[in-house]
């Protein structure tokens, strides 16, 4: 969740840190660190958080009839 009360502390979304390049955070308390590090000075900043996007679905295996609303004919059971 993006706005939980108890957020796992990570430099990646701390108000004291700023990303200087991919995989490196410049912290005003600890200096250069990795996004997975944390310290006692952690302050959650929701604007630093970049949510993970879901993978796009693969529609290549679907056929045209999968999108049809027609019901296929049922075979008769011979009981009338």
PDB file of N, CA and C in Angstrom:
ATOM      1  N   UNK A   1       0.828  -1.185   0.000  1.00  0.00           N
ATOM      2  CA  UNK A   1       0.000   0.000   0.000  1.00  0.00           C
ATOM      3  C   UNK A   1       0.873   1.249   0.000  1.00  0.00           C
ATOM      4  N   UNK A   2       0.362   2.262  -0.569  1.00  0.00           N
ATOM      5  CA  UNK A   2       1.120   3.489  -0.721  1.00  0.00           C
ATOM      6  C   UNK A   2       1.107   4.357   0.540  1.00  0.00           C
ATOM      7  N   UNK A   3       0.009   4.358   1.288  1.00  0.00           N
ATOM      8  CA  UNK A   3      -0.117   5.244   2.444  1.00  0.00           C
ATOM      9  C   UNK A   3      -0.385   4.477   3.737  1.00  0.00           C
ATOM     10  N   UNK A   4       0.365   3.437   3.995  1.00  0.00           N
ATOM     11  CA  UNK A   4       0.216   2.684   5.241  1.00  0.00           C
ATOM     12  C   UNK A   4       0.751   3.504   6.413  1.00  0.00           C
ATOM     13  N   UNK A   5       0.239   3.206   7.620  1.00  0.00           N
ATOM     14  CA  UNK A   5       0.733   3.885   8.821  1.00  0.00           C
ATOM     15  C   UNK A   5       2.158   3.453   9.136  1.00  0.00           C
ATOM     16  N   UNK A   6       2.427   2.157   9.089  1.00  0.00           N
ATOM     17  CA  UNK A   6       3.758   1.628   9.384  1.00  0.00           C
ATOM     18  C   UNK A   6       4.420   1.197   8.079  1.00  0.00           C
ATOM     19  N   UNK A   7       5.244   2.055   7.532  1.00  0.00           N
ATOM     20  CA  UNK A   7       5.929   1.777   6.276  1.00  0.00           C
ATOM     21  C   UNK A   7       7.298   1.173   6.579  1.00  0.00           C
ATOM     22  N   UNK A   8       7.681   0.164   5.811  1.00  0.00           N
ATOM     23  CA  UNK A   8       9.011  -0.427   5.965  1.00  0.00           C
ATOM     24  C   UNK A   8      10.055   0.648   5.641  1.00  0.00           C
ATOM     25  N   UNK A   9      10.978   0.923   6.567  1.00  0.00           N
ATOM     26  CA  UNK A   9      11.954   1.993   6.302  1.00  0.00           C
ATOM     27  C   UNK A   9      12.940   1.613   5.202  1.00  0.00           C
ATOM     28  N   UNK A  10      13.063   2.463   4.209  1.00  0.00           N
ATOM     29  CA  UNK A  10      13.998   2.290   3.104  1.00  0.00           C
ATOM     30  C   UNK A  10      14.434   3.673   2.633  1.00  0.00           C
ATOM     31  N   UNK A  11      15.705   3.824   2.323  1.00  0.00           N
ATOM     32  CA  UNK A  11      16.218   5.103   1.817  1.00  0.00           C
ATOM     33  C   UNK A  11      15.556   5.494   0.497  1.00  0.00           C
ATOM     34  N   UNK A  12      15.030   4.526  -0.194  1.00  0.00           N
ATOM     35  CA  UNK A  12      14.407   4.746  -1.502  1.00  0.00           C
ATOM     36  C   UNK A  12      13.271   5.762  -1.421  1.00  0.00           C
ATOM     37  N   UNK A  13      12.495   5.761  -0.341  1.00  0.00           N
ATOM     38  CA  UNK A  13      11.392   6.712  -0.199  1.00  0.00           C
ATOM     39  C   UNK A  13      11.441   7.444   1.141  1.00  0.00           C
ATOM     40  N   UNK A  14      12.615   7.896   1.506  1.00  0.00           N
ATOM     41  CA  UNK A  14      12.818   8.678   2.721  1.00  0.00           C
ATOM     42  C   UNK A  14      12.922  10.157   2.354  1.00  0.00           C
ATOM     43  N   UNK A  15      12.375  11.015   3.209  1.00  0.00           N
ATOM     44  CA  UNK A  15      12.425  12.456   2.961  1.00  0.00           C
ATOM     45  C   UNK A  15      13.840  13.011   3.093  1.00  0.00           C
ATOM     46  N   UNK A  16      14.729  12.296   3.774  1.00  0.00           N
ATOM     47  CA  UNK A  16      16.103  12.766   3.968  1.00  0.00           C
ATOM     48  C   UNK A  16      17.030  12.408   2.805  1.00  0.00           C
ATOM     49  N   UNK A  17      16.557  11.599   1.870  1.00  0.00           N
ATOM     50  CA  UNK A  17      17.410  11.153   0.774  1.00  0.00           C
ATOM     51  C   UNK A  17      16.944  11.665  -0.575  1.00  0.00           C
ATOM     52  N   UNK A  18      17.878  11.692  -1.510  1.00  0.00           N
ATOM     53  CA  UNK A  18      17.576  12.100  -2.879  1.00  0.00           C
ATOM     54  C   UNK A  18      18.373  11.213  -3.823  1.00  0.00           C
ATOM     55  N   UNK A  19      17.706  10.707  -4.857  1.00  0.00           N
ATOM     56  CA  UNK A  19      18.379   9.808  -5.804  1.00  0.00           C
ATOM     57  C   UNK A  19      19.355  10.611  -6.657  1.00  0.00           C
ATOM     58  N   UNK A  20      20.625  10.177  -6.665  1.00  0.00           N
ATOM     59  CA  UNK A  20      21.624  10.872  -7.475  1.00  0.00           C
ATOM     60  C   UNK A  20      21.878  10.145  -8.784  1.00  0.00           C
ATOM     61  N   UNK A  21      21.701   8.843  -8.784  1.00  0.00           N
ATOM     62  CA  UNK A  21      21.762   8.036 -10.010  1.00  0.00           C
ATOM     63  C   UNK A  21      21.088   6.706  -9.701  1.00  0.00           C
ATOM     64  N   UNK A  22      20.921   5.904 -10.703  1.00  0.00           N
ATOM     65  CA  UNK A  22      20.244   4.614 -10.544  1.00  0.00           C
ATOM     66  C   UNK A  22      20.940   3.762  -9.490  1.00  0.00           C
ATOM     67  N   UNK A  23      20.229   3.437  -8.412  1.00  0.00           N
ATOM     68  CA  UNK A  23      20.787   2.571  -7.385  1.00  0.00           C
ATOM     69  C   UNK A  23      21.608   3.270  -6.318  1.00  0.00           C
ATOM     70  N   UNK A  24      21.617   4.606  -6.304  1.00  0.00           N
ATOM     71  CA  UNK A  24      22.383   5.347  -5.294  1.00  0.00           C
ATOM     72  C   UNK A  24      21.550   6.518  -4.765  1.00  0.00           C
ATOM     73  N   UNK A  25      21.514   6.645  -3.446  1.00  0.00           N
ATOM     74  CA  UNK A  25      20.756   7.694  -2.773  1.00  0.00           C
ATOM     75  C   UNK A  25      21.727   8.566  -1.984  1.00  0.00           C
ATOM     76  N   UNK A  26      21.562   9.875  -2.073  1.00  0.00           N
ATOM     77  CA  UNK A  26      22.354  10.803  -1.277  1.00  0.00           C
ATOM     78  C   UNK A  26      21.507  11.227  -0.084  1.00  0.00           C
ATOM     79  N   UNK A  27      21.928  10.798   1.103  1.00  0.00           N
ATOM     80  CA  UNK A  27      21.195  11.060   2.339  1.00  0.00           C
ATOM     81  C   UNK A  27      21.860  12.207   3.088  1.00  0.00           C
ATOM     82  N   UNK A  28      21.048  13.113   3.659  1.00  0.00           N
ATOM     83  CA  UNK A  28      21.623  14.229   4.414  1.00  0.00           C
ATOM     84  C   UNK A  28      22.169  13.765   5.761  1.00  0.00           C
ATOM     85  N   UNK A  29      21.794  12.575   6.196  1.00  0.00           N
ATOM     86  CA  UNK A  29      22.273  12.043   7.474  1.00  0.00           C
ATOM     87  C   UNK A  29      23.458  11.091   7.308  1.00  0.00           C
ATOM     88  N   UNK A  30      23.431  10.228   6.268  1.00  0.00           N
ATOM     89  CA  UNK A  30      24.426   9.170   6.133  1.00  0.00           C
ATOM     90  C   UNK A  30      25.314   9.277   4.907  1.00  0.00           C
ATOM     91  N   UNK A  31      25.048  10.178   4.022  1.00  0.00           N
ATOM     92  CA  UNK A  31      25.832  10.280   2.791  1.00  0.00           C
ATOM     93  C   UNK A  31      25.267   9.372   1.709  1.00  0.00           C
ATOM     94  N   UNK A  32      26.123   8.802   0.889  1.00  0.00           N
ATOM     95  CA  UNK A  32      25.692   7.954  -0.227  1.00  0.00           C
ATOM     96  C   UNK A  32      25.337   6.566   0.302  1.00  0.00           C
ATOM     97  N   UNK A  33      24.175   6.070  -0.092  1.00  0.00           N
ATOM     98  CA  UNK A  33      23.723   4.735   0.313  1.00  0.00           C
ATOM     99  C   UNK A  33      22.916   4.109  -0.810  1.00  0.00           C
ATOM    100  N   UNK A  34      22.517   2.876  -0.616  1.00  0.00           N
ATOM    101  CA  UNK A  34      21.694   2.176  -1.606  1.00  0.00           C
ATOM    102  C   UNK A  34      20.220   2.349  -1.252  1.00  0.00           C
ATOM    103  N   UNK A  35      19.309   2.155  -2.210  1.00  0.00           N
ATOM    104  CA  UNK A  35      17.882   2.343  -1.934  1.00  0.00           C
ATOM    105  C   UNK A  35      17.325   1.407  -0.855  1.00  0.00           C
ATOM    106  N   UNK A  36      17.931   0.263  -0.636  1.00  0.00           N
ATOM    107  CA  UNK A  36      17.429  -0.683   0.351  1.00  0.00           C
ATOM    108  C   UNK A  36      17.887  -0.415   1.769  1.00  0.00           C
ATOM    109  N   UNK A  37      18.842   0.484   1.968  1.00  0.00           N
ATOM    110  CA  UNK A  37      19.326   0.803   3.309  1.00  0.00           C
ATOM    111  C   UNK A  37      18.292   1.610   4.081  1.00  0.00           C
ATOM    112  N   UNK A  38      18.508   1.731   5.389  1.00  0.00           N
ATOM    113  CA  UNK A  38      17.670   2.595   6.216  1.00  0.00           C
ATOM    114  C   UNK A  38      18.423   2.935   7.496  1.00  0.00           C
ATOM    115  N   UNK A  39      17.940   3.950   8.212  1.00  0.00           N
ATOM    116  CA  UNK A  39      18.549   4.351   9.484  1.00  0.00           C
ATOM    117  C   UNK A  39      17.450   4.842  10.430  1.00  0.00           C
ATOM    118  N   UNK A  40      17.858   5.297  11.618  1.00  0.00           N
ATOM    119  CA  UNK A  40      16.895   5.770  12.612  1.00  0.00           C
ATOM    120  C   UNK A  40      16.229   7.077  12.189  1.00  0.00           C
ATOM    121  N   UNK A  41      16.819   7.800  11.282  1.00  0.00           N
ATOM    122  CA  UNK A  41      16.296   9.099  10.848  1.00  0.00           C
ATOM    123  C   UNK A  41      15.269   8.982   9.731  1.00  0.00           C
ATOM    124  N   UNK A  42      14.759   7.787   9.465  1.00  0.00           N
ATOM    125  CA  UNK A  42      13.810   7.570   8.368  1.00  0.00           C
ATOM    126  C   UNK A  42      12.545   8.393   8.576  1.00  0.00           C
ATOM    127  N   UNK A  43      12.171   9.152   7.536  1.00  0.00           N
ATOM    128  CA  UNK A  43      10.921   9.906   7.498  1.00  0.00           C
ATOM    129  C   UNK A  43      10.274   9.586   6.162  1.00  0.00           C
ATOM    130  N   UNK A  44       9.092   8.971   6.203  1.00  0.00           N
ATOM    131  CA  UNK A  44       8.423   8.546   4.968  1.00  0.00           C
ATOM    132  C   UNK A  44       7.947   9.747   4.161  1.00  0.00           C
ATOM    133  N   UNK A  45       8.274   9.739   2.876  1.00  0.00           N
ATOM    134  CA  UNK A  45       7.827  10.762   1.936  1.00  0.00           C
ATOM    135  C   UNK A  45       7.094  10.058   0.796  1.00  0.00           C
ATOM    136  N   UNK A  46       5.763  10.137   0.750  1.00  0.00           N
ATOM    137  CA  UNK A  46       5.012   9.420  -0.292  1.00  0.00           C
ATOM    138  C   UNK A  46       5.320   9.903  -1.707  1.00  0.00           C
ATOM    139  N   UNK A  47       5.854  11.101  -1.850  1.00  0.00           N
ATOM    140  CA  UNK A  47       6.170  11.602  -3.187  1.00  0.00           C
ATOM    141  C   UNK A  47       7.449  10.986  -3.746  1.00  0.00           C
ATOM    142  N   UNK A  48       8.258  10.378  -2.907  1.00  0.00           N
ATOM    143  CA  UNK A  48       9.464   9.686  -3.368  1.00  0.00           C
ATOM    144  C   UNK A  48       9.151   8.273  -3.848  1.00  0.00           C
ATOM    145  N   UNK A  49       8.027   7.759  -3.438  1.00  0.00           N
ATOM    146  CA  UNK A  49       7.664   6.375  -3.748  1.00  0.00           C
ATOM    147  C   UNK A  49       7.204   6.260  -5.192  1.00  0.00           C
ATOM    148  N   UNK A  50       7.756   5.303  -5.928  1.00  0.00           N
ATOM    149  CA  UNK A  50       7.338   5.039  -7.295  1.00  0.00           C
ATOM    150  C   UNK A  50       6.677   3.668  -7.310  1.00  0.00           C
ATOM    151  N   UNK A  51       5.345   3.617  -7.398  1.00  0.00           N
ATOM    152  CA  UNK A  51       4.654   2.333  -7.340  1.00  0.00           C
ATOM    153  C   UNK A  51       5.015   1.445  -8.527  1.00  0.00           C
ATOM    154  N   UNK A  52       5.039   0.153  -8.269  1.00  0.00           N
ATOM    155  CA  UNK A  52       5.326  -0.828  -9.313  1.00  0.00           C
ATOM    156  C   UNK A  52       4.060  -1.038 -10.148  1.00  0.00           C
ATOM    157  N   UNK A  53       4.216  -1.058 -11.437  1.00  0.00           N
ATOM    158  CA  UNK A  53       3.080  -1.256 -12.326  1.00  0.00           C
ATOM    159  C   UNK A  53       2.916  -2.741 -12.632  1.00  0.00           C
ATOM    160  N   UNK A  54       1.680  -3.148 -12.815  1.00  0.00           N
ATOM    161  CA  UNK A  54       1.390  -4.539 -13.154  1.00  0.00           C
ATOM    162  C   UNK A  54       1.849  -4.829 -14.585  1.00  0.00           C
ATOM    163  N   UNK A  55       2.197  -6.079 -14.827  1.00  0.00           N
ATOM    164  CA  UNK A  55       2.633  -6.471 -16.166  1.00  0.00           C
ATOM    165  C   UNK A  55       1.449  -6.404 -17.131  1.00  0.00           C
ATOM    166  N   UNK A  56       1.720  -6.026 -18.354  1.00  0.00           N
ATOM    167  CA  UNK A  56       0.659  -5.950 -19.352  1.00  0.00           C
ATOM    168  C   UNK A  56       0.244  -7.364 -19.765  1.00  0.00           C
ATOM    169  N   UNK A  57      -1.057  -7.607 -19.908  1.00  0.00           N
ATOM    170  CA  UNK A  57      -1.512  -8.946 -20.290  1.00  0.00           C
ATOM    171  C   UNK A  57      -1.150  -9.274 -21.736  1.00  0.00           C
ATOM    172  N   UNK A  58      -0.942 -10.556 -21.995  1.00  0.00           N
ATOM    173  CA  UNK A  58      -0.593 -11.027 -23.333  1.00  0.00           C
ATOM    174  C   UNK A  58      -1.863 -11.531 -24.011  1.00  0.00           C
ATOM    175  N   UNK A  59      -2.349 -10.787 -24.994  1.00  0.00           N
ATOM    176  CA  UNK A  59      -3.573 -11.142 -25.694  1.00  0.00           C
ATOM    177  C   UNK A  59      -3.310 -11.950 -26.963  1.00  0.00           C
ATOM    178  N   UNK A  60      -2.084 -12.314 -27.241  1.00  0.00           N
ATOM    179  CA  UNK A  60      -1.776 -13.001 -28.487  1.00  0.00           C
ATOM    180  C   UNK A  60      -2.363 -14.414 -28.537  1.00  0.00           C
ATOM    181  N   UNK A  61      -2.608 -15.030 -27.389  1.00  0.00           N
ATOM    182  CA  UNK A  61      -3.147 -16.392 -27.372  1.00  0.00           C
ATOM    183  C   UNK A  61      -4.669 -16.424 -27.540  1.00  0.00           C
ATOM    184  N   UNK A  62      -5.332 -15.276 -27.495  1.00  0.00           N
ATOM    185  CA  UNK A  62      -6.786 -15.236 -27.618  1.00  0.00           C
ATOM    186  C   UNK A  62      -7.205 -15.229 -29.078  1.00  0.00           C
ATOM    187  N   UNK A  63      -8.389 -15.779 -29.301  1.00  0.00           N
ATOM    188  CA  UNK A  63      -8.947 -15.830 -30.659  1.00  0.00           C
ATOM    189  C   UNK A  63     -10.116 -14.869 -30.767  1.00  0.00           C
ATOM    190  N   UNK A  64     -10.576 -14.637 -31.983  1.00  0.00           N
ATOM    191  CA  UNK A  64     -11.691 -13.724 -32.228  1.00  0.00           C
ATOM    192  C   UNK A  64     -12.962 -14.192 -31.524  1.00  0.00           C
ATOM    193  N   UNK A  65     -13.190 -15.506 -31.477  1.00  0.00           N
ATOM    194  CA  UNK A  65     -14.417 -16.014 -30.848  1.00  0.00           C
ATOM    195  C   UNK A  65     -14.397 -15.863 -29.322  1.00  0.00           C
ATOM    196  N   UNK A  66     -13.238 -15.615 -28.742  1.00  0.00           N
ATOM    197  CA  UNK A  66     -13.174 -15.369 -27.304  1.00  0.00           C
ATOM    198  C   UNK A  66     -13.844 -14.042 -26.931  1.00  0.00           C
ATOM    199  N   UNK A  67     -13.984 -13.157 -27.900  1.00  0.00           N
ATOM    200  CA  UNK A  67     -14.597 -11.861 -27.660  1.00  0.00           C
ATOM    201  C   UNK A  67     -16.037 -11.803 -28.158  1.00  0.00           C
ATOM    202  N   UNK A  68     -16.596 -12.918 -28.532  1.00  0.00           N
ATOM    203  CA  UNK A  68     -17.952 -13.003 -29.053  1.00  0.00           C
ATOM    204  C   UNK A  68     -18.936 -13.260 -27.913  1.00  0.00           C
ATOM    205  N   UNK A  69     -20.156 -12.714 -28.042  1.00  0.00           N
ATOM    206  CA  UNK A  69     -21.193 -12.937 -27.043  1.00  0.00           C
ATOM    207  C   UNK A  69     -22.132 -14.070 -27.429  1.00  0.00           C
ATOM    208  N   UNK A  70     -21.912 -14.684 -28.559  1.00  0.00           N
ATOM    209  CA  UNK A  70     -22.760 -15.778 -29.011  1.00  0.00           C
ATOM    210  C   UNK A  70     -22.462 -17.034 -28.206  1.00  0.00           C
ATOM    211  N   UNK A  71     -23.541 -17.763 -27.876  1.00  0.00           N
ATOM    212  CA  UNK A  71     -23.392 -19.013 -27.137  1.00  0.00           C
ATOM    213  C   UNK A  71     -23.256 -20.135 -28.157  1.00  0.00           C
ATOM    214  N   UNK A  72     -22.247 -20.990 -28.018  1.00  0.00           N
ATOM    215  CA  UNK A  72     -22.105 -22.090 -28.980  1.00  0.00           C
ATOM    216  C   UNK A  72     -23.263 -23.085 -28.847  1.00  0.00           C
ATOM    217  N   UNK A  73     -23.612 -23.730 -29.968  1.00  0.00           N
ATOM    218  CA  UNK A  73     -24.694 -24.725 -29.970  1.00  0.00           C
ATOM    219  C   UNK A  73     -24.325 -25.887 -29.086  1.00  0.00           C
ATOM    220  N   UNK A  74     -25.300 -26.288 -28.247  1.00  0.00           N
ATOM    221  CA  UNK A  74     -25.056 -27.451 -27.391  1.00  0.00           C
ATOM    222  C   UNK A  74     -25.534 -28.695 -28.130  1.00  0.00           C
ATOM    223  N   UNK A  75     -24.793 -29.772 -28.036  1.00  0.00           N
ATOM    224  CA  UNK A  75     -25.255 -31.006 -28.684  1.00  0.00           C
ATOM    225  C   UNK A  75     -26.496 -31.531 -27.973  1.00  0.00           C
ATOM    226  N   UNK A  76     -27.452 -32.023 -28.767  1.00  0.00           N
ATOM    227  CA  UNK A  76     -28.700 -32.526 -28.180  1.00  0.00           C
ATOM    228  C   UNK A  76     -28.435 -33.870 -27.502  1.00  0.00           C
ATOM    229  N   UNK A  77     -29.065 -34.071 -26.367  1.00  0.00           N
ATOM    230  CA  UNK A  77     -28.839 -35.286 -25.596  1.00  0.00           C
ATOM    231  C   UNK A  77     -29.797 -36.404 -26.028  1.00  0.00           C
ATOM    232  N   UNK A  78     -30.762 -36.098 -26.873  1.00  0.00           N
ATOM    233  CA  UNK A  78     -31.683 -37.097 -27.363  1.00  0.00           C
ATOM    234  C   UNK A  78     -32.863 -37.311 -26.436  1.00  0.00           C
ATOM    235  N   UNK A  79     -33.004 -36.520 -25.399  1.00  0.00           N
ATOM    236  CA  UNK A  79     -34.119 -36.637 -24.471  1.00  0.00           C
ATOM    237  C   UNK A  79     -35.068 -35.482 -24.692  1.00  0.00           C
ATOM    238  N   UNK A  80     -36.218 -35.725 -25.275  1.00  0.00           N
ATOM    239  CA  UNK A  80     -37.243 -34.689 -25.504  1.00  0.00           C
ATOM    240  C   UNK A  80     -38.529 -35.064 -24.883  1.00  0.00           C
TER     241      UNK A  80
END
